[in-house]
């Protein structure tokens, strides 16, 4: 399983990498720091899931999600400190599959990742 992690926050990135490594045997995480890096990577290498920050240094997460949707149907889980209904709706309309407000509990994060992967697997088998 390949997980692309596009996050600004180093602490959150470390927690996610650790949780995924513990809960998913053979999980390969690929960390990127900009929206452009994320889009380039997704075009070149398929991912099973994308963990996406709502704001990266060079692009908003919603724009990155739109770009991902042009080339991939992999599930996108967006993370954000902002708890704004308008942004939430825009994210879903851009192709985001799920949205979590930061800070979050790791158990809930893993449960959501499992759910997204299960749904994606069912749709593509």
PDB file of N, CA and C in Angstrom:
ATOM      1  N   UNK A   1       0.852  -1.180   0.000  1.00  0.00           N
ATOM      2  CA  UNK A   1       0.000   0.000   0.000  1.00  0.00           C
ATOM      3  C   UNK A   1       0.898   1.243   0.000  1.00  0.00           C
ATOM      4  N   UNK A   2       0.555   2.187  -0.853  1.00  0.00           N
ATOM      5  CA  UNK A   2       1.296   3.448  -0.941  1.00  0.00           C
ATOM      6  C   UNK A   2       0.393   4.587  -0.476  1.00  0.00           C
ATOM      7  N   UNK A   3       0.886   5.349   0.492  1.00  0.00           N
ATOM      8  CA  UNK A   3       0.155   6.492   1.018  1.00  0.00           C
ATOM      9  C   UNK A   3       0.964   7.751   0.735  1.00  0.00           C
ATOM     10  N   UNK A   4       0.368   8.683   0.010  1.00  0.00           N
ATOM     11  CA  UNK A   4       1.009   9.973  -0.206  1.00  0.00           C
ATOM     12  C   UNK A   4       0.525  10.910   0.887  1.00  0.00           C
ATOM     13  N   UNK A   5       1.475  11.522   1.583  1.00  0.00           N
ATOM     14  CA  UNK A   5       1.156  12.438   2.679  1.00  0.00           C
ATOM     15  C   UNK A   5       1.661  13.816   2.290  1.00  0.00           C
ATOM     16  N   UNK A   6       0.729  14.746   2.084  1.00  0.00           N
ATOM     17  CA  UNK A   6       1.068  16.125   1.721  1.00  0.00           C
ATOM     18  C   UNK A   6       0.604  17.034   2.849  1.00  0.00           C
ATOM     19  N   UNK A   7       1.523  17.285   3.787  1.00  0.00           N
ATOM     20  CA  UNK A   7       1.187  18.069   4.976  1.00  0.00           C
ATOM     21  C   UNK A   7       2.270  19.096   5.266  1.00  0.00           C
ATOM     22  N   UNK A   8       1.849  20.265   5.762  1.00  0.00           N
ATOM     23  CA  UNK A   8       2.793  21.292   6.208  1.00  0.00           C
ATOM     24  C   UNK A   8       3.323  20.999   7.604  1.00  0.00           C
ATOM     25  N   UNK A   9       2.465  20.529   8.456  1.00  0.00           N
ATOM     26  CA  UNK A   9       2.763  20.357   9.877  1.00  0.00           C
ATOM     27  C   UNK A   9       3.615  19.111  10.125  1.00  0.00           C
ATOM     28  N   UNK A  10       4.847  19.326  10.535  1.00  0.00           N
ATOM     29  CA  UNK A  10       5.798  18.222  10.758  1.00  0.00           C
ATOM     30  C   UNK A  10       5.334  17.271  11.857  1.00  0.00           C
ATOM     31  N   UNK A  11       4.785  17.790  12.951  1.00  0.00           N
ATOM     32  CA  UNK A  11       4.322  16.926  14.043  1.00  0.00           C
ATOM     33  C   UNK A  11       3.205  16.001  13.588  1.00  0.00           C
ATOM     34  N   UNK A  12       2.243  16.557  12.858  1.00  0.00           N
ATOM     35  CA  UNK A  12       1.134  15.737  12.352  1.00  0.00           C
ATOM     36  C   UNK A  12       1.661  14.692  11.380  1.00  0.00           C
ATOM     37  N   UNK A  13       2.588  15.090  10.517  1.00  0.00           N
ATOM     38  CA  UNK A  13       3.167  14.157   9.548  1.00  0.00           C
ATOM     39  C   UNK A  13       3.849  12.992  10.269  1.00  0.00           C
ATOM     40  N   UNK A  14       4.606  13.282  11.307  1.00  0.00           N
ATOM     41  CA  UNK A  14       5.292  12.223  12.054  1.00  0.00           C
ATOM     42  C   UNK A  14       4.294  11.278  12.723  1.00  0.00           C
ATOM     43  N   UNK A  15       3.248  11.832  13.315  1.00  0.00           N
ATOM     44  CA  UNK A  15       2.225  11.001  13.960  1.00  0.00           C
ATOM     45  C   UNK A  15       1.551  10.081  12.943  1.00  0.00           C
ATOM     46  N   UNK A  16       1.229  10.640  11.784  1.00  0.00           N
ATOM     47  CA  UNK A  16       0.550   9.854  10.750  1.00  0.00           C
ATOM     48  C   UNK A  16       1.467   8.750  10.230  1.00  0.00           C
ATOM     49  N   UNK A  17       2.708   9.089   9.949  1.00  0.00           N
ATOM     50  CA  UNK A  17       3.658   8.076   9.484  1.00  0.00           C
ATOM     51  C   UNK A  17       3.789   6.941  10.499  1.00  0.00           C
ATOM     52  N   UNK A  18       3.889   7.299  11.763  1.00  0.00           N
ATOM     53  CA  UNK A  18       4.029   6.291  12.807  1.00  0.00           C
ATOM     54  C   UNK A  18       2.771   5.424  12.899  1.00  0.00           C
ATOM     55  N   UNK A  19       1.604   6.035  12.908  1.00  0.00           N
ATOM     56  CA  UNK A  19       0.345   5.284  13.017  1.00  0.00           C
ATOM     57  C   UNK A  19       0.149   4.350  11.833  1.00  0.00           C
ATOM     58  N   UNK A  20       0.411   4.839  10.638  1.00  0.00           N
ATOM     59  CA  UNK A  20       0.245   4.005   9.448  1.00  0.00           C
ATOM     60  C   UNK A  20       1.220   2.830   9.476  1.00  0.00           C
ATOM     61  N   UNK A  21       2.456   3.093   9.890  1.00  0.00           N
ATOM     62  CA  UNK A  21       3.456   2.029   9.957  1.00  0.00           C
ATOM     63  C   UNK A  21       3.091   0.941  10.943  1.00  0.00           C
ATOM     64  N   UNK A  22       2.457   1.323  12.040  1.00  0.00           N
ATOM     65  CA  UNK A  22       2.056   0.355  13.061  1.00  0.00           C
ATOM     66  C   UNK A  22       0.830  -0.439  12.609  1.00  0.00           C
ATOM     67  N   UNK A  23      -0.128   0.235  11.989  1.00  0.00           N
ATOM     68  CA  UNK A  23      -1.427  -0.383  11.698  1.00  0.00           C
ATOM     69  C   UNK A  23      -1.518  -1.088  10.351  1.00  0.00           C
ATOM     70  N   UNK A  24      -0.623  -0.780   9.437  1.00  0.00           N
ATOM     71  CA  UNK A  24      -0.688  -1.361   8.096  1.00  0.00           C
ATOM     72  C   UNK A  24       0.670  -1.979   7.743  1.00  0.00           C
ATOM     73  N   UNK A  25       0.737  -3.288   7.765  1.00  0.00           N
ATOM     74  CA  UNK A  25       1.970  -3.986   7.427  1.00  0.00           C
ATOM     75  C   UNK A  25       2.330  -3.718   5.969  1.00  0.00           C
ATOM     76  N   UNK A  26       3.581  -3.375   5.722  1.00  0.00           N
ATOM     77  CA  UNK A  26       4.042  -3.135   4.357  1.00  0.00           C
ATOM     78  C   UNK A  26       3.630  -1.798   3.784  1.00  0.00           C
ATOM     79  N   UNK A  27       3.151  -0.918   4.633  1.00  0.00           N
ATOM     80  CA  UNK A  27       2.716   0.407   4.178  1.00  0.00           C
ATOM     81  C   UNK A  27       3.929   1.251   3.801  1.00  0.00           C
ATOM     82  N   UNK A  28       3.888   1.835   2.613  1.00  0.00           N
ATOM     83  CA  UNK A  28       4.948   2.749   2.182  1.00  0.00           C
ATOM     84  C   UNK A  28       4.365   4.158   2.170  1.00  0.00           C
ATOM     85  N   UNK A  29       4.950   5.036   2.957  1.00  0.00           N
ATOM     86  CA  UNK A  29       4.493   6.424   2.963  1.00  0.00           C
ATOM     87  C   UNK A  29       5.478   7.268   2.164  1.00  0.00           C
ATOM     88  N   UNK A  30       4.912   8.158   1.366  1.00  0.00           N
ATOM     89  CA  UNK A  30       5.709   9.094   0.578  1.00  0.00           C
ATOM     90  C   UNK A  30       5.299  10.493   1.016  1.00  0.00           C
ATOM     91  N   UNK A  31       6.238  11.218   1.603  1.00  0.00           N
ATOM     92  CA  UNK A  31       5.954  12.552   2.122  1.00  0.00           C
ATOM     93  C   UNK A  31       6.343  13.614   1.112  1.00  0.00           C
ATOM     94  N   UNK A  32       5.407  14.514   0.852  1.00  0.00           N
ATOM     95  CA  UNK A  32       5.673  15.663   0.001  1.00  0.00           C
ATOM     96  C   UNK A  32       5.276  16.917   0.766  1.00  0.00           C
ATOM     97  N   UNK A  33       5.824  18.047   0.329  1.00  0.00           N
ATOM     98  CA  UNK A  33       5.657  19.262   1.118  1.00  0.00           C
ATOM     99  C   UNK A  33       4.935  20.377   0.363  1.00  0.00           C
ATOM    100  N   UNK A  34       4.733  20.187  -0.936  1.00  0.00           N
ATOM    101  CA  UNK A  34       4.040  21.204  -1.726  1.00  0.00           C
ATOM    102  C   UNK A  34       2.954  20.547  -2.573  1.00  0.00           C
ATOM    103  N   UNK A  35       2.036  21.368  -3.021  1.00  0.00           N
ATOM    104  CA  UNK A  35       0.989  20.872  -3.903  1.00  0.00           C
ATOM    105  C   UNK A  35       1.546  20.405  -5.231  1.00  0.00           C
ATOM    106  N   UNK A  36       2.503  21.145  -5.763  1.00  0.00           N
ATOM    107  CA  UNK A  36       3.110  20.760  -7.051  1.00  0.00           C
ATOM    108  C   UNK A  36       3.808  19.415  -6.950  1.00  0.00           C
ATOM    109  N   UNK A  37       4.531  19.195  -5.850  1.00  0.00           N
ATOM    110  CA  UNK A  37       5.180  17.898  -5.626  1.00  0.00           C
ATOM    111  C   UNK A  37       4.145  16.779  -5.572  1.00  0.00           C
ATOM    112  N   UNK A  38       3.064  17.034  -4.869  1.00  0.00           N
ATOM    113  CA  UNK A  38       2.005  16.044  -4.718  1.00  0.00           C
ATOM    114  C   UNK A  38       1.423  15.673  -6.076  1.00  0.00           C
ATOM    115  N   UNK A  39       1.089  16.665  -6.866  1.00  0.00           N
ATOM    116  CA  UNK A  39       0.493  16.406  -8.177  1.00  0.00           C
ATOM    117  C   UNK A  39       1.462  15.671  -9.093  1.00  0.00           C
ATOM    118  N   UNK A  40       2.716  16.066  -9.085  1.00  0.00           N
ATOM    119  CA  UNK A  40       3.720  15.406  -9.922  1.00  0.00           C
ATOM    120  C   UNK A  40       3.855  13.932  -9.512  1.00  0.00           C
ATOM    121  N   UNK A  41       3.896  13.682  -8.223  1.00  0.00           N
ATOM    122  CA  UNK A  41       4.038  12.316  -7.724  1.00  0.00           C
ATOM    123  C   UNK A  41       2.837  11.451  -8.102  1.00  0.00           C
ATOM    124  N   UNK A  42       1.645  11.989  -7.913  1.00  0.00           N
ATOM    125  CA  UNK A  42       0.426  11.228  -8.213  1.00  0.00           C
ATOM    126  C   UNK A  42       0.359  10.891  -9.706  1.00  0.00           C
ATOM    127  N   UNK A  43       0.799  11.796 -10.554  1.00  0.00           N
ATOM    128  CA  UNK A  43       0.807  11.532 -11.999  1.00  0.00           C
ATOM    129  C   UNK A  43       1.779  10.418 -12.361  1.00  0.00           C
ATOM    130  N   UNK A  44       2.906  10.355 -11.646  1.00  0.00           N
ATOM    131  CA  UNK A  44       3.954   9.379 -11.967  1.00  0.00           C
ATOM    132  C   UNK A  44       3.751   8.025 -11.299  1.00  0.00           C
ATOM    133  N   UNK A  45       3.250   8.030 -10.071  1.00  0.00           N
ATOM    134  CA  UNK A  45       3.133   6.799  -9.273  1.00  0.00           C
ATOM    135  C   UNK A  45       1.763   6.714  -8.639  1.00  0.00           C
ATOM    136  N   UNK A  46       1.029   5.661  -8.929  1.00  0.00           N
ATOM    137  CA  UNK A  46      -0.292   5.544  -8.311  1.00  0.00           C
ATOM    138  C   UNK A  46      -0.192   5.384  -6.792  1.00  0.00           C
ATOM    139  N   UNK A  47      -1.130   5.988  -6.096  1.00  0.00           N
ATOM    140  CA  UNK A  47      -1.216   5.874  -4.640  1.00  0.00           C
ATOM    141  C   UNK A  47      -2.518   5.174  -4.284  1.00  0.00           C
ATOM    142  N   UNK A  48      -2.518   4.522  -3.140  1.00  0.00           N
ATOM    143  CA  UNK A  48      -3.746   3.900  -2.656  1.00  0.00           C
ATOM    144  C   UNK A  48      -4.628   4.897  -1.926  1.00  0.00           C
ATOM    145  N   UNK A  49      -3.992   5.921  -1.338  1.00  0.00           N
ATOM    146  CA  UNK A  49      -4.732   6.967  -0.625  1.00  0.00           C
ATOM    147  C   UNK A  49      -3.823   8.194  -0.502  1.00  0.00           C
ATOM    148  N   UNK A  50      -4.454   9.366  -0.450  1.00  0.00           N
ATOM    149  CA  UNK A  50      -3.717  10.621  -0.286  1.00  0.00           C
ATOM    150  C   UNK A  50      -4.218  11.305   0.985  1.00  0.00           C
ATOM    151  N   UNK A  51      -3.279  11.663   1.857  1.00  0.00           N
ATOM    152  CA  UNK A  51      -3.586  12.455   3.045  1.00  0.00           C
ATOM    153  C   UNK A  51      -3.143  13.870   2.712  1.00  0.00           C
ATOM    154  N   UNK A  52      -4.074  14.807   2.695  1.00  0.00           N
ATOM    155  CA  UNK A  52      -3.832  16.138   2.134  1.00  0.00           C
ATOM    156  C   UNK A  52      -4.169  17.239   3.123  1.00  0.00           C
ATOM    157  N   UNK A  53      -3.228  18.153   3.309  1.00  0.00           N
ATOM    158  CA  UNK A  53      -3.455  19.328   4.148  1.00  0.00           C
ATOM    159  C   UNK A  53      -4.335  20.318   3.391  1.00  0.00           C
ATOM    160  N   UNK A  54      -5.149  21.061   4.111  1.00  0.00           N
ATOM    161  CA  UNK A  54      -6.012  22.041   3.450  1.00  0.00           C
ATOM    162  C   UNK A  54      -5.218  23.215   2.889  1.00  0.00           C
ATOM    163  N   UNK A  55      -4.055  23.481   3.476  1.00  0.00           N
ATOM    164  CA  UNK A  55      -3.206  24.571   2.981  1.00  0.00           C
ATOM    165  C   UNK A  55      -1.761  24.095   2.943  1.00  0.00           C
ATOM    166  N   UNK A  56      -1.174  24.094   1.761  1.00  0.00           N
ATOM    167  CA  UNK A  56       0.244  23.816   1.599  1.00  0.00           C
ATOM    168  C   UNK A  56       0.938  25.131   1.280  1.00  0.00           C
ATOM    169  N   UNK A  57       2.251  25.137   1.282  1.00  0.00           N
ATOM    170  CA  UNK A  57       2.974  26.394   1.082  1.00  0.00           C
ATOM    171  C   UNK A  57       2.704  27.042  -0.274  1.00  0.00           C
ATOM    172  N   UNK A  58       2.485  26.225  -1.299  1.00  0.00           N
ATOM    173  CA  UNK A  58       2.332  26.785  -2.647  1.00  0.00           C
ATOM    174  C   UNK A  58       0.910  26.748  -3.188  1.00  0.00           C
ATOM    175  N   UNK A  59       0.014  25.968  -2.589  1.00  0.00           N
ATOM    176  CA  UNK A  59      -1.349  25.807  -3.113  1.00  0.00           C
ATOM    177  C   UNK A  59      -2.318  25.489  -1.978  1.00  0.00           C
ATOM    178  N   UNK A  60      -3.570  25.803  -2.222  1.00  0.00           N
ATOM    179  CA  UNK A  60      -4.615  25.353  -1.306  1.00  0.00           C
ATOM    180  C   UNK A  60      -4.907  23.885  -1.585  1.00  0.00           C
ATOM    181  N   UNK A  61      -5.245  23.157  -0.541  1.00  0.00           N
ATOM    182  CA  UNK A  61      -5.545  21.742  -0.685  1.00  0.00           C
ATOM    183  C   UNK A  61      -6.681  21.458  -1.657  1.00  0.00           C
ATOM    184  N   UNK A  62      -7.642  22.341  -1.717  1.00  0.00           N
ATOM    185  CA  UNK A  62      -8.774  22.146  -2.634  1.00  0.00           C
ATOM    186  C   UNK A  62      -8.289  22.134  -4.078  1.00  0.00           C
ATOM    187  N   UNK A  63      -7.348  23.003  -4.421  1.00  0.00           N
ATOM    188  CA  UNK A  63      -6.792  23.025  -5.782  1.00  0.00           C
ATOM    189  C   UNK A  63      -5.983  21.758  -6.048  1.00  0.00           C
ATOM    190  N   UNK A  64      -5.259  21.285  -5.048  1.00  0.00           N
ATOM    191  CA  UNK A  64      -4.506  20.043  -5.199  1.00  0.00           C
ATOM    192  C   UNK A  64      -5.476  18.881  -5.421  1.00  0.00           C
ATOM    193  N   UNK A  65      -6.557  18.842  -4.658  1.00  0.00           N
ATOM    194  CA  UNK A  65      -7.557  17.777  -4.806  1.00  0.00           C
ATOM    195  C   UNK A  65      -8.137  17.768  -6.216  1.00  0.00           C
ATOM    196  N   UNK A  66      -8.437  18.929  -6.747  1.00  0.00           N
ATOM    197  CA  UNK A  66      -8.958  19.007  -8.122  1.00  0.00           C
ATOM    198  C   UNK A  66      -7.946  18.431  -9.110  1.00  0.00           C
ATOM    199  N   UNK A  67      -6.676  18.771  -8.913  1.00  0.00           N
ATOM    200  CA  UNK A  67      -5.633  18.241  -9.785  1.00  0.00           C
ATOM    201  C   UNK A  67      -5.486  16.732  -9.662  1.00  0.00           C
ATOM    202  N   UNK A  68      -5.579  16.222  -8.454  1.00  0.00           N
ATOM    203  CA  UNK A  68      -5.502  14.773  -8.247  1.00  0.00           C
ATOM    204  C   UNK A  68      -6.635  14.085  -8.975  1.00  0.00           C
ATOM    205  N   UNK A  69      -7.828  14.648  -8.871  1.00  0.00           N
ATOM    206  CA  UNK A  69      -8.998  14.031  -9.505  1.00  0.00           C
ATOM    207  C   UNK A  69      -8.881  13.963 -11.033  1.00  0.00           C
ATOM    208  N   UNK A  70      -8.067  14.791 -11.612  1.00  0.00           N
ATOM    209  CA  UNK A  70      -7.861  14.746 -13.068  1.00  0.00           C
ATOM    210  C   UNK A  70      -7.087  13.501 -13.490  1.00  0.00           C
ATOM    211  N   UNK A  71      -6.324  12.910 -12.565  1.00  0.00           N
ATOM    212  CA  UNK A  71      -5.458  11.792 -12.940  1.00  0.00           C
ATOM    213  C   UNK A  71      -5.632  10.542 -12.076  1.00  0.00           C
ATOM    214  N   UNK A  72      -6.393  10.636 -10.990  1.00  0.00           N
ATOM    215  CA  UNK A  72      -6.485   9.509 -10.069  1.00  0.00           C
ATOM    216  C   UNK A  72      -7.837   9.470  -9.369  1.00  0.00           C
ATOM    217  N   UNK A  73      -8.268   8.258  -9.067  1.00  0.00           N
ATOM    218  CA  UNK A  73      -9.497   8.091  -8.281  1.00  0.00           C
ATOM    219  C   UNK A  73      -9.182   7.628  -6.851  1.00  0.00           C
ATOM    220  N   UNK A  74      -7.899   7.680  -6.470  1.00  0.00           N
ATOM    221  CA  UNK A  74      -7.514   7.286  -5.110  1.00  0.00           C
ATOM    222  C   UNK A  74      -8.239   8.149  -4.082  1.00  0.00           C
ATOM    223  N   UNK A  75      -8.635   7.571  -2.972  1.00  0.00           N
ATOM    224  CA  UNK A  75      -9.315   8.364  -1.943  1.00  0.00           C
ATOM    225  C   UNK A  75      -8.414   9.471  -1.399  1.00  0.00           C
ATOM    226  N   UNK A  76      -9.039  10.599  -1.083  1.00  0.00           N
ATOM    227  CA  UNK A  76      -8.341  11.750  -0.512  1.00  0.00           C
ATOM    228  C   UNK A  76      -8.967  12.054   0.842  1.00  0.00           C
ATOM    229  N   UNK A  77      -8.113  12.083   1.868  1.00  0.00           N
ATOM    230  CA  UNK A  77      -8.531  12.490   3.209  1.00  0.00           C
ATOM    231  C   UNK A  77      -7.875  13.833   3.493  1.00  0.00           C
ATOM    232  N   UNK A  78      -8.693  14.875   3.627  1.00  0.00           N
ATOM    233  CA  UNK A  78      -8.166  16.218   3.882  1.00  0.00           C
ATOM    234  C   UNK A  78      -8.167  16.503   5.375  1.00  0.00           C
ATOM    235  N   UNK A  79      -7.066  17.123   5.828  1.00  0.00           N
ATOM    236  CA  UNK A  79      -6.921  17.525   7.225  1.00  0.00           C
ATOM    237  C   UNK A  79      -6.839  19.041   7.298  1.00  0.00           C
ATOM    238  N   UNK A  80      -7.487  19.632   8.314  1.00  0.00           N
ATOM    239  CA  UNK A  80      -7.492  21.091   8.410  1.00  0.00           C
ATOM    240  C   UNK A  80      -7.705  21.553   9.840  1.00  0.00           C
ATOM    241  N   UNK A  81      -7.067  22.657  10.192  1.00  0.00           N
ATOM    242  CA  UNK A  81      -7.344  23.319  11.470  1.00  0.00           C
ATOM    243  C   UNK A  81      -8.624  24.149  11.377  1.00  0.00           C
ATOM    244  N   UNK A  82      -9.046  24.446  10.180  1.00  0.00           N
ATOM    245  CA  UNK A  82     -10.214  25.299   9.962  1.00  0.00           C
ATOM    246  C   UNK A  82     -11.475  24.448  10.007  1.00  0.00           C
ATOM    247  N   UNK A  83     -12.435  24.896  10.767  1.00  0.00           N
ATOM    248  CA  UNK A  83     -13.706  24.173  10.904  1.00  0.00           C
ATOM    249  C   UNK A  83     -14.813  25.004  10.270  1.00  0.00           C
ATOM    250  N   UNK A  84     -14.677  25.205   8.989  1.00  0.00           N
ATOM    251  CA  UNK A  84     -15.581  26.074   8.245  1.00  0.00           C
ATOM    252  C   UNK A  84     -16.439  25.241   7.299  1.00  0.00           C
ATOM    253  N   UNK A  85     -17.755  25.397   7.393  1.00  0.00           N
ATOM    254  CA  UNK A  85     -18.669  24.619   6.555  1.00  0.00           C
ATOM    255  C   UNK A  85     -18.463  24.888   5.070  1.00  0.00           C
ATOM    256  N   UNK A  86     -18.182  26.132   4.735  1.00  0.00           N
ATOM    257  CA  UNK A  86     -17.972  26.474   3.323  1.00  0.00           C
ATOM    258  C   UNK A  86     -16.765  25.720   2.772  1.00  0.00           C
ATOM    259  N   UNK A  87     -15.656  25.712   3.513  1.00  0.00           N
ATOM    260  CA  UNK A  87     -14.462  24.992   3.059  1.00  0.00           C
ATOM    261  C   UNK A  87     -14.732  23.494   2.971  1.00  0.00           C
ATOM    262  N   UNK A  88     -15.467  22.964   3.923  1.00  0.00           N
ATOM    263  CA  UNK A  88     -15.816  21.546   3.921  1.00  0.00           C
ATOM    264  C   UNK A  88     -16.586  21.179   2.653  1.00  0.00           C
ATOM    265  N   UNK A  89     -17.590  21.963   2.318  1.00  0.00           N
ATOM    266  CA  UNK A  89     -18.388  21.703   1.118  1.00  0.00           C
ATOM    267  C   UNK A  89     -17.525  21.833  -0.139  1.00  0.00           C
ATOM    268  N   UNK A  90     -16.683  22.864  -0.202  1.00  0.00           N
ATOM    269  CA  UNK A  90     -15.802  23.056  -1.354  1.00  0.00           C
ATOM    270  C   UNK A  90     -14.850  21.864  -1.512  1.00  0.00           C
ATOM    271  N   UNK A  91     -14.369  21.355  -0.395  1.00  0.00           N
ATOM    272  CA  UNK A  91     -13.455  20.212  -0.444  1.00  0.00           C
ATOM    273  C   UNK A  91     -14.151  18.984  -1.026  1.00  0.00           C
ATOM    274  N   UNK A  92     -15.365  18.705  -0.566  1.00  0.00           N
ATOM    275  CA  UNK A  92     -16.102  17.555  -1.102  1.00  0.00           C
ATOM    276  C   UNK A  92     -16.413  17.754  -2.581  1.00  0.00           C
ATOM    277  N   UNK A  93     -16.760  18.957  -2.974  1.00  0.00           N
ATOM    278  CA  UNK A  93     -17.047  19.230  -4.385  1.00  0.00           C
ATOM    279  C   UNK A  93     -15.796  19.114  -5.249  1.00  0.00           C
ATOM    280  N   UNK A  94     -14.624  19.324  -4.658  1.00  0.00           N
ATOM    281  CA  UNK A  94     -13.358  19.222  -5.394  1.00  0.00           C
ATOM    282  C   UNK A  94     -12.893  17.772  -5.540  1.00  0.00           C
ATOM    283  N   UNK A  95     -13.564  16.856  -4.856  1.00  0.00           N
ATOM    284  CA  UNK A  95     -13.201  15.444  -4.985  1.00  0.00           C
ATOM    285  C   UNK A  95     -12.635  14.804  -3.737  1.00  0.00           C
ATOM    286  N   UNK A  96     -12.603  15.540  -2.633  1.00  0.00           N
ATOM    287  CA  UNK A  96     -12.142  14.975  -1.369  1.00  0.00           C
ATOM    288  C   UNK A  96     -13.182  13.959  -0.887  1.00  0.00           C
ATOM    289  N   UNK A  97     -12.699  12.818  -0.395  1.00  0.00           N
ATOM    290  CA  UNK A  97     -13.604  11.767   0.065  1.00  0.00           C
ATOM    291  C   UNK A  97     -13.967  11.881   1.537  1.00  0.00           C
ATOM    292  N   UNK A  98     -13.051  12.440   2.335  1.00  0.00           N
ATOM    293  CA  UNK A  98     -13.321  12.594   3.761  1.00  0.00           C
ATOM    294  C   UNK A  98     -12.513  13.779   4.268  1.00  0.00           C
ATOM    295  N   UNK A  99     -12.918  14.309   5.416  1.00  0.00           N
ATOM    296  CA  UNK A  99     -12.359  15.552   5.947  1.00  0.00           C
ATOM    297  C   UNK A  99     -12.286  15.429   7.454  1.00  0.00           C
ATOM    298  N   UNK A 100     -11.125  15.710   8.023  1.00  0.00           N
ATOM    299  CA  UNK A 100     -10.970  15.676   9.480  1.00  0.00           C
ATOM    300  C   UNK A 100     -10.406  17.001   9.963  1.00  0.00           C
ATOM    301  N   UNK A 101     -10.967  17.496  11.058  1.00  0.00           N
ATOM    302  CA  UNK A 101     -10.445  18.711  11.682  1.00  0.00           C
ATOM    303  C   UNK A 101      -9.278  18.342  12.588  1.00  0.00           C
ATOM    304  N   UNK A 102      -8.224  19.156  12.553  1.00  0.00           N
ATOM    305  CA  UNK A 102      -7.090  18.990  13.461  1.00  0.00           C
ATOM    306  C   UNK A 102      -7.381  19.776  14.733  1.00  0.00           C
ATOM    307  N   UNK A 103      -6.909  19.353  15.859  1.00  0.00           N
ATOM    308  CA  UNK A 103      -6.241  18.076  16.103  1.00  0.00           C
ATOM    309  C   UNK A 103      -7.263  16.940  16.100  1.00  0.00           C
ATOM    310  N   UNK A 104      -6.790  15.743  15.873  1.00  0.00           N
ATOM    311  CA  UNK A 104      -7.690  14.591  15.823  1.00  0.00           C
ATOM    312  C   UNK A 104      -7.052  13.432  16.594  1.00  0.00           C
ATOM    313  N   UNK A 105      -7.881  12.438  16.888  1.00  0.00           N
ATOM    314  CA  UNK A 105      -7.411  11.248  17.578  1.00  0.00           C
ATOM    315  C   UNK A 105      -6.891  10.248  16.548  1.00  0.00           C
ATOM    316  N   UNK A 106      -5.750   9.658  16.833  1.00  0.00           N
ATOM    317  CA  UNK A 106      -5.134   8.719  15.894  1.00  0.00           C
ATOM    318  C   UNK A 106      -6.030   7.517  15.609  1.00  0.00           C
ATOM    319  N   UNK A 107      -6.768   7.028  16.606  1.00  0.00           N
ATOM    320  CA  UNK A 107      -7.650   5.878  16.376  1.00  0.00           C
ATOM    321  C   UNK A 107      -8.732   6.221  15.358  1.00  0.00           C
ATOM    322  N   UNK A 108      -9.284   7.419  15.454  1.00  0.00           N
ATOM    323  CA  UNK A 108     -10.292   7.838  14.477  1.00  0.00           C
ATOM    324  C   UNK A 108      -9.662   7.991  13.095  1.00  0.00           C
ATOM    325  N   UNK A 109      -8.468   8.561  13.037  1.00  0.00           N
ATOM    326  CA  UNK A 109      -7.772   8.717  11.765  1.00  0.00           C
ATOM    327  C   UNK A 109      -7.580   7.358  11.085  1.00  0.00           C
ATOM    328  N   UNK A 110      -7.076   6.386  11.820  1.00  0.00           N
ATOM    329  CA  UNK A 110      -6.841   5.048  11.257  1.00  0.00           C
ATOM    330  C   UNK A 110      -8.158   4.414  10.817  1.00  0.00           C
ATOM    331  N   UNK A 111      -9.214   4.577  11.609  1.00  0.00           N
ATOM    332  CA  UNK A 111     -10.524   4.023  11.239  1.00  0.00           C
ATOM    333  C   UNK A 111     -11.015   4.632   9.924  1.00  0.00           C
ATOM    334  N   UNK A 112     -10.833   5.930   9.753  1.00  0.00           N
ATOM    335  CA  UNK A 112     -11.255   6.589   8.512  1.00  0.00           C
ATOM    336  C   UNK A 112     -10.420   6.122   7.318  1.00  0.00           C
ATOM    337  N   UNK A 113      -9.112   5.970   7.527  1.00  0.00           N
ATOM    338  CA  UNK A 113      -8.251   5.464   6.450  1.00  0.00           C
ATOM    339  C   UNK A 113      -8.698   4.063   6.044  1.00  0.00           C
ATOM    340  N   UNK A 114      -8.941   3.214   7.012  1.00  0.00           N
ATOM    341  CA  UNK A 114      -9.403   1.845   6.710  1.00  0.00           C
ATOM    342  C   UNK A 114     -10.718   1.870   5.929  1.00  0.00           C
ATOM    343  N   UNK A 115     -11.629   2.720   6.336  1.00  0.00           N
ATOM    344  CA  UNK A 115     -12.924   2.830   5.658  1.00  0.00           C
ATOM    345  C   UNK A 115     -12.745   3.297   4.213  1.00  0.00           C
ATOM    346  N   UNK A 116     -11.935   4.320   4.011  1.00  0.00           N
ATOM    347  CA  UNK A 116     -11.695   4.824   2.656  1.00  0.00           C
ATOM    348  C   UNK A 116     -11.051   3.755   1.782  1.00  0.00           C
ATOM    349  N   UNK A 117     -10.074   3.046   2.325  1.00  0.00           N
ATOM    350  CA  UNK A 117      -9.416   1.987   1.553  1.00  0.00           C
ATOM    351  C   UNK A 117     -10.377   0.851   1.230  1.00  0.00           C
ATOM    352  N   UNK A 118     -11.212   0.496   2.181  1.00  0.00           N
ATOM    353  CA  UNK A 118     -12.196  -0.570   1.967  1.00  0.00           C
ATOM    354  C   UNK A 118     -13.179  -0.172   0.865  1.00  0.00           C
ATOM    355  N   UNK A 119     -13.680   1.051   0.933  1.00  0.00           N
ATOM    356  CA  UNK A 119     -14.625   1.520  -0.080  1.00  0.00           C
ATOM    357  C   UNK A 119     -13.976   1.598  -1.457  1.00  0.00           C
ATOM    358  N   UNK A 120     -12.737   2.100  -1.501  1.00  0.00           N
ATOM    359  CA  UNK A 120     -12.005   2.212  -2.763  1.00  0.00           C
ATOM    360  C   UNK A 120     -11.750   0.825  -3.359  1.00  0.00           C
ATOM    361  N   UNK A 121     -11.377  -0.116  -2.509  1.00  0.00           N
ATOM    362  CA  UNK A 121     -11.115  -1.499  -2.947  1.00  0.00           C
ATOM    363  C   UNK A 121     -12.371  -2.133  -3.527  1.00  0.00           C
ATOM    364  N   UNK A 122     -13.500  -1.925  -2.868  1.00  0.00           N
ATOM    365  CA  UNK A 122     -14.761  -2.494  -3.354  1.00  0.00           C
ATOM    366  C   UNK A 122     -15.164  -1.920  -4.701  1.00  0.00           C
ATOM    367  N   UNK A 123     -14.918  -0.637  -4.896  1.00  0.00           N
ATOM    368  CA  UNK A 123     -15.277   0.020  -6.151  1.00  0.00           C
ATOM    369  C   UNK A 123     -14.387  -0.418  -7.315  1.00  0.00           C
ATOM    370  N   UNK A 124     -13.161  -0.866  -7.024  1.00  0.00           N
ATOM    371  CA  UNK A 124     -12.210  -1.181  -8.083  1.00  0.00           C
ATOM    372  C   UNK A 124     -11.910  -2.669  -8.207  1.00  0.00           C
ATOM    373  N   UNK A 125     -12.768  -3.494  -7.648  1.00  0.00           N
ATOM    374  CA  UNK A 125     -12.624  -4.958  -7.811  1.00  0.00           C
ATOM    375  C   UNK A 125     -13.829  -5.531  -8.500  1.00  0.00           C
TER     376      UNK A 125
END
